[in-house]
Each structure stands twice: as structure tokens, then as C-alpha cells.
Amino acid sequence: MAAKRAKAGEGLPIRMLHDRVLVSLENEGERKSGGGILIPATAAVGKRLSWAGVVATGPSVRQVEVGDRVLFDAEDRHEVDLQSKDYVLLRERDIHAIAARRVEEDGTTGLYL
């Protein structure tokens, strides 16, 4: 099976191997609470999971596709810089959840077996 590459528009010079997933972080800075209160990035909060968009996947990745949003522990990440943009390299088993329209359709649990 051929490795799934980055979207054509991004033109990343990379091919992922094995069960690796390359993601682009979403708004790491300030957040807003449900009530509209602005929470600065420097605020001390408990352990938080992070959302990121999948940019590329390796050939052994089974549940995640390019374009999905994934939830992962920010402490279990490895950062990489490609063409002056920061990305995070993860293993598929380190991903806690997938947010994509197709998830509702196929009814899979997303468990890593």
C-alpha cells in the first residue's frame, strides 16, 4: 500500500513511514471559555489535550486520514519544522479521538488494536 501524502496544495517534501501521523496544530494561543471569557495562553490550567489537523500519514495508519482533526496529549509530541512551519509528529496509537464526517457514517470505534 502506498503512503498517504500531504495534500497537494501544501507541497510538503515528506513521506511518512510506518504508523506515524504528521499534524498541524490549531490555535495554541489564547482561548475563549464557553461564556466568552478570554483565557491567555500563559494561564495555568490542568493537563489539556490538543486538537490538530492531519497533514500526512504513514502506510500503516488504519483509522486516520489526511484532513481529519485529531485529539492528542500535547506532552506526547515531537515537533518538527518543515518549510518554516511547525508540525507535530505522532504515532497513531497516541491519538485519543478523531473528528471527521466519515466517523459517523462507518460506525467504527477508533480503537487501536
N, C-alpha and C. Protein backbone atom coordinates (compact mmCIF):
# COMPACT_ATOMS: atom_id res chain seq x y z
N MET A 1 0.84 -1.17 0.00
CA MET A 1 0.00 0.00 0.00
C MET A 1 0.89 1.25 0.00
N ALA A 2 0.59 2.20 -0.81
CA ALA A 2 1.40 3.41 -0.90
C ALA A 2 1.12 4.32 0.29
N ALA A 3 2.12 5.07 0.70
CA ALA A 3 1.96 6.01 1.81
C ALA A 3 1.04 7.14 1.39
N LYS A 4 0.20 7.59 2.32
CA LYS A 4 -0.68 8.72 2.04
C LYS A 4 0.12 9.98 2.28
N ARG A 5 0.15 10.84 1.30
CA ARG A 5 0.99 12.03 1.38
C ARG A 5 0.18 13.24 1.79
N ALA A 6 0.89 14.33 1.98
CA ALA A 6 0.25 15.59 2.31
C ALA A 6 -0.64 16.04 1.16
N LYS A 7 -1.58 16.93 1.48
CA LYS A 7 -2.44 17.47 0.45
C LYS A 7 -1.60 18.15 -0.62
N ALA A 8 -2.03 18.07 -1.86
CA ALA A 8 -1.25 18.60 -2.98
C ALA A 8 -0.99 20.09 -2.84
N GLY A 9 -1.94 20.85 -2.28
CA GLY A 9 -1.78 22.28 -2.15
C GLY A 9 -0.67 22.68 -1.20
N GLU A 10 -0.35 21.84 -0.23
CA GLU A 10 0.67 22.19 0.74
C GLU A 10 2.07 21.89 0.23
N GLY A 11 2.23 20.89 -0.61
CA GLY A 11 3.51 20.57 -1.21
C GLY A 11 4.62 20.26 -0.22
N LEU A 12 4.30 19.52 0.85
CA LEU A 12 5.33 19.19 1.83
C LEU A 12 6.28 18.15 1.25
N PRO A 13 7.57 18.34 1.44
CA PRO A 13 8.57 17.39 0.93
C PRO A 13 8.81 16.26 1.92
N ILE A 14 7.77 15.46 2.18
CA ILE A 14 7.90 14.42 3.20
C ILE A 14 7.00 13.24 2.88
N ARG A 15 7.47 12.04 3.23
CA ARG A 15 6.66 10.84 3.14
C ARG A 15 6.75 10.17 4.51
N MET A 16 5.63 9.97 5.12
CA MET A 16 5.58 9.39 6.46
C MET A 16 5.80 7.88 6.38
N LEU A 17 6.42 7.33 7.41
CA LEU A 17 6.69 5.90 7.47
C LEU A 17 5.89 5.25 8.60
N HIS A 18 5.64 3.98 8.46
CA HIS A 18 5.02 3.13 9.49
C HIS A 18 3.68 3.70 9.98
N ASP A 19 3.53 3.84 11.30
CA ASP A 19 2.25 4.30 11.86
C ASP A 19 2.31 5.76 12.29
N ARG A 20 3.16 6.54 11.64
CA ARG A 20 3.32 7.95 12.03
C ARG A 20 2.27 8.83 11.37
N VAL A 21 1.90 9.88 12.11
CA VAL A 21 0.92 10.86 11.65
C VAL A 21 1.53 12.25 11.85
N LEU A 22 1.52 13.07 10.81
CA LEU A 22 2.02 14.44 10.88
C LEU A 22 0.82 15.37 10.97
N VAL A 23 0.81 16.22 12.00
CA VAL A 23 -0.34 17.11 12.22
C VAL A 23 0.11 18.55 12.34
N SER A 24 -0.81 19.44 12.02
CA SER A 24 -0.60 20.87 12.16
C SER A 24 -1.48 21.35 13.30
N LEU A 25 -0.88 21.99 14.30
CA LEU A 25 -1.63 22.41 15.49
C LEU A 25 -2.64 23.50 15.16
N GLU A 26 -3.72 23.48 15.92
CA GLU A 26 -4.76 24.50 15.81
C GLU A 26 -4.60 25.46 16.97
N ASN A 27 -4.79 26.73 16.73
CA ASN A 27 -4.74 27.83 17.70
C ASN A 27 -4.21 27.45 19.08
N GLU A 28 -2.88 27.44 19.22
CA GLU A 28 -2.25 27.15 20.51
C GLU A 28 -2.29 28.36 21.44
N GLY A 29 -2.66 29.50 20.96
CA GLY A 29 -2.62 30.72 21.76
C GLY A 29 -3.80 30.87 22.68
N GLU A 30 -4.35 32.05 22.70
CA GLU A 30 -5.46 32.35 23.60
C GLU A 30 -6.71 31.57 23.22
N ARG A 31 -7.53 31.26 24.24
CA ARG A 31 -8.78 30.55 24.04
C ARG A 31 -9.91 31.36 24.65
N LYS A 32 -11.13 31.02 24.28
CA LYS A 32 -12.30 31.62 24.89
C LYS A 32 -13.08 30.55 25.61
N SER A 33 -13.56 30.89 26.79
CA SER A 33 -14.40 29.95 27.53
C SER A 33 -15.79 29.93 26.91
N GLY A 34 -16.63 29.01 27.36
CA GLY A 34 -18.00 28.93 26.85
C GLY A 34 -18.78 30.20 27.10
N GLY A 35 -18.43 30.93 28.16
CA GLY A 35 -19.10 32.18 28.50
C GLY A 35 -18.50 33.39 27.82
N GLY A 36 -17.47 33.19 26.99
CA GLY A 36 -16.87 34.29 26.25
C GLY A 36 -15.68 34.94 26.93
N ILE A 37 -15.21 34.39 28.04
CA ILE A 37 -14.06 34.96 28.74
C ILE A 37 -12.78 34.55 28.01
N LEU A 38 -11.91 35.51 27.77
CA LEU A 38 -10.65 35.26 27.08
C LEU A 38 -9.64 34.67 28.06
N ILE A 39 -9.07 33.50 27.73
CA ILE A 39 -8.09 32.83 28.58
C ILE A 39 -6.74 32.92 27.88
N PRO A 40 -5.77 33.63 28.46
CA PRO A 40 -4.46 33.79 27.79
C PRO A 40 -3.71 32.47 27.72
N ALA A 41 -2.81 32.37 26.76
CA ALA A 41 -2.02 31.16 26.55
C ALA A 41 -1.13 30.86 27.74
N THR A 42 -0.79 31.87 28.53
CA THR A 42 0.10 31.68 29.67
C THR A 42 -0.63 31.24 30.94
N ALA A 43 -1.96 31.17 30.89
CA ALA A 43 -2.74 30.79 32.08
C ALA A 43 -2.45 29.34 32.46
N ALA A 44 -2.30 29.12 33.76
CA ALA A 44 -2.04 27.76 34.26
C ALA A 44 -3.36 26.99 34.30
N VAL A 45 -3.40 25.90 33.56
CA VAL A 45 -4.58 25.04 33.56
C VAL A 45 -4.12 23.61 33.77
N GLY A 46 -5.06 22.75 34.09
CA GLY A 46 -4.73 21.33 34.25
C GLY A 46 -4.28 20.74 32.93
N LYS A 47 -3.95 19.48 32.97
CA LYS A 47 -3.50 18.78 31.76
C LYS A 47 -4.58 18.84 30.70
N ARG A 48 -4.25 19.37 29.55
CA ARG A 48 -5.20 19.55 28.45
C ARG A 48 -4.76 18.78 27.23
N LEU A 49 -5.73 18.22 26.52
CA LEU A 49 -5.46 17.60 25.23
C LEU A 49 -5.54 18.67 24.16
N SER A 50 -4.91 18.43 23.02
CA SER A 50 -4.87 19.41 21.94
C SER A 50 -5.50 18.85 20.67
N TRP A 51 -6.10 19.74 19.88
CA TRP A 51 -6.65 19.39 18.57
C TRP A 51 -5.65 19.78 17.50
N ALA A 52 -5.58 18.97 16.44
CA ALA A 52 -4.70 19.29 15.32
C ALA A 52 -5.28 18.69 14.05
N GLY A 53 -4.90 19.25 12.91
CA GLY A 53 -5.34 18.75 11.61
C GLY A 53 -4.29 17.83 11.02
N VAL A 54 -4.72 16.69 10.49
CA VAL A 54 -3.79 15.71 9.92
C VAL A 54 -3.32 16.20 8.55
N VAL A 55 -2.00 16.22 8.36
CA VAL A 55 -1.39 16.70 7.13
C VAL A 55 -0.87 15.53 6.29
N ALA A 56 -0.33 14.50 6.95
CA ALA A 56 0.19 13.33 6.24
C ALA A 56 0.15 12.12 7.16
N THR A 57 0.03 10.92 6.57
CA THR A 57 0.01 9.69 7.36
C THR A 57 0.92 8.65 6.71
N GLY A 58 1.41 7.74 7.52
CA GLY A 58 2.24 6.65 7.03
C GLY A 58 1.39 5.52 6.48
N PRO A 59 2.01 4.53 5.84
CA PRO A 59 1.28 3.43 5.19
C PRO A 59 0.59 2.48 6.16
N SER A 60 1.02 2.44 7.42
CA SER A 60 0.42 1.52 8.39
C SER A 60 -0.70 2.15 9.21
N VAL A 61 -1.02 3.40 8.96
CA VAL A 61 -2.09 4.08 9.69
C VAL A 61 -3.43 3.56 9.18
N ARG A 62 -4.30 3.13 10.12
CA ARG A 62 -5.55 2.49 9.72
C ARG A 62 -6.80 3.34 9.95
N GLN A 63 -6.82 4.18 10.98
CA GLN A 63 -8.03 4.89 11.35
C GLN A 63 -8.04 6.36 10.96
N VAL A 64 -6.90 6.94 10.69
CA VAL A 64 -6.78 8.38 10.48
C VAL A 64 -6.50 8.66 9.01
N GLU A 65 -7.13 9.73 8.48
CA GLU A 65 -6.91 10.13 7.10
C GLU A 65 -6.49 11.59 7.05
N VAL A 66 -5.80 11.96 5.97
CA VAL A 66 -5.42 13.36 5.77
C VAL A 66 -6.69 14.21 5.75
N GLY A 67 -6.67 15.31 6.49
CA GLY A 67 -7.81 16.20 6.58
C GLY A 67 -8.63 16.01 7.85
N ASP A 68 -8.45 14.91 8.57
CA ASP A 68 -9.14 14.68 9.84
C ASP A 68 -8.61 15.63 10.90
N ARG A 69 -9.42 15.86 11.94
CA ARG A 69 -8.96 16.54 13.14
C ARG A 69 -8.77 15.47 14.20
N VAL A 70 -7.65 15.53 14.92
CA VAL A 70 -7.36 14.52 15.93
C VAL A 70 -7.09 15.18 17.28
N LEU A 71 -7.40 14.44 18.34
CA LEU A 71 -7.18 14.88 19.71
C LEU A 71 -6.04 14.06 20.30
N PHE A 72 -5.04 14.73 20.87
CA PHE A 72 -3.87 14.03 21.40
C PHE A 72 -3.33 14.77 22.61
N ASP A 73 -2.50 14.09 23.38
CA ASP A 73 -1.86 14.66 24.56
C ASP A 73 -0.66 15.49 24.10
N ALA A 74 -0.66 16.77 24.42
CA ALA A 74 0.40 17.67 23.97
C ALA A 74 1.76 17.31 24.56
N GLU A 75 1.79 16.55 25.65
CA GLU A 75 3.07 16.16 26.24
C GLU A 75 3.72 14.98 25.50
N ASP A 76 2.96 14.25 24.71
CA ASP A 76 3.47 13.09 23.97
C ASP A 76 3.82 13.43 22.53
N ARG A 77 4.30 14.61 22.28
CA ARG A 77 4.52 15.02 20.90
C ARG A 77 5.99 15.26 20.60
N HIS A 78 6.29 15.20 19.32
CA HIS A 78 7.62 15.52 18.81
C HIS A 78 7.43 16.58 17.74
N GLU A 79 8.02 17.75 17.94
CA GLU A 79 7.84 18.85 17.00
C GLU A 79 8.87 18.79 15.89
N VAL A 80 8.44 19.22 14.69
CA VAL A 80 9.33 19.26 13.54
C VAL A 80 9.01 20.52 12.74
N ASP A 81 10.03 21.10 12.12
CA ASP A 81 9.87 22.32 11.32
C ASP A 81 10.08 21.95 9.85
N LEU A 82 9.07 22.18 9.02
CA LEU A 82 9.15 21.93 7.58
C LEU A 82 8.77 23.19 6.84
N GLN A 83 9.64 23.66 6.02
CA GLN A 83 9.42 24.88 5.24
C GLN A 83 8.93 26.03 6.12
N SER A 84 9.61 26.23 7.23
CA SER A 84 9.35 27.32 8.18
C SER A 84 7.98 27.25 8.85
N LYS A 85 7.39 26.07 8.92
CA LYS A 85 6.12 25.89 9.62
C LYS A 85 6.28 24.74 10.60
N ASP A 86 5.71 24.90 11.78
CA ASP A 86 5.82 23.87 12.82
C ASP A 86 4.75 22.82 12.67
N TYR A 87 5.14 21.56 12.81
CA TYR A 87 4.24 20.42 12.78
C TYR A 87 4.55 19.53 13.98
N VAL A 88 3.66 18.59 14.25
CA VAL A 88 3.86 17.64 15.33
C VAL A 88 3.80 16.24 14.75
N LEU A 89 4.73 15.39 15.16
CA LEU A 89 4.79 14.01 14.71
C LEU A 89 4.26 13.11 15.82
N LEU A 90 3.28 12.27 15.50
CA LEU A 90 2.65 11.37 16.48
C LEU A 90 2.63 9.95 15.95
N ARG A 91 2.44 9.00 16.84
CA ARG A 91 2.11 7.63 16.44
C ARG A 91 0.58 7.54 16.46
N GLU A 92 0.04 6.68 15.62
CA GLU A 92 -1.42 6.56 15.57
C GLU A 92 -1.98 6.16 16.93
N ARG A 93 -1.29 5.33 17.67
CA ARG A 93 -1.81 4.87 18.96
C ARG A 93 -1.84 5.98 20.01
N ASP A 94 -1.14 7.11 19.78
CA ASP A 94 -1.15 8.23 20.72
C ASP A 94 -2.32 9.18 20.48
N ILE A 95 -3.12 8.91 19.47
CA ILE A 95 -4.29 9.74 19.16
C ILE A 95 -5.48 9.23 19.96
N HIS A 96 -6.16 10.13 20.66
CA HIS A 96 -7.28 9.76 21.52
C HIS A 96 -8.62 9.77 20.82
N ALA A 97 -8.79 10.64 19.82
CA ALA A 97 -10.08 10.75 19.14
C ALA A 97 -9.89 11.33 17.75
N ILE A 98 -10.86 11.05 16.87
CA ILE A 98 -10.86 11.57 15.51
C ILE A 98 -12.17 12.32 15.29
N ALA A 99 -12.08 13.50 14.72
CA ALA A 99 -13.28 14.26 14.37
C ALA A 99 -13.31 14.40 12.85
N ALA A 100 -14.26 13.69 12.23
CA ALA A 100 -14.42 13.74 10.78
C ALA A 100 -15.84 13.30 10.44
N ARG A 101 -16.39 13.81 9.36
CA ARG A 101 -17.75 13.44 8.96
C ARG A 101 -17.89 11.94 8.74
N ARG A 102 -16.86 11.29 8.21
CA ARG A 102 -16.94 9.87 7.90
C ARG A 102 -17.04 9.00 9.15
N VAL A 103 -16.64 9.51 10.32
CA VAL A 103 -16.69 8.73 11.55
C VAL A 103 -18.13 8.34 11.88
N GLU A 104 -19.08 9.24 11.69
CA GLU A 104 -20.49 8.95 11.95
C GLU A 104 -21.03 7.91 10.98
N GLU A 105 -20.53 7.91 9.75
CA GLU A 105 -21.06 7.04 8.71
C GLU A 105 -20.66 5.58 8.88
N ASP A 106 -19.38 5.31 9.22
CA ASP A 106 -18.94 3.92 9.23
C ASP A 106 -19.13 3.21 10.56
N GLY A 107 -19.36 3.94 11.64
CA GLY A 107 -19.67 3.33 12.93
C GLY A 107 -18.51 2.63 13.62
N THR A 108 -17.25 2.85 13.18
CA THR A 108 -16.11 2.22 13.86
C THR A 108 -15.82 2.96 15.15
N THR A 109 -15.23 2.27 16.08
CA THR A 109 -14.96 2.84 17.37
C THR A 109 -13.68 3.66 17.43
N GLY A 110 -12.75 3.43 16.52
CA GLY A 110 -11.50 4.14 16.52
C GLY A 110 -10.48 3.52 17.47
N LEU A 111 -10.75 2.33 17.96
CA LEU A 111 -9.82 1.67 18.88
C LEU A 111 -8.58 1.22 18.13
N TYR A 112 -7.45 1.32 18.79
CA TYR A 112 -6.20 0.86 18.21
C TYR A 112 -5.96 -0.56 18.71
N LEU A 113 -6.05 -1.53 17.84
CA LEU A 113 -5.92 -2.94 18.25
C LEU A 113 -4.60 -3.50 17.80
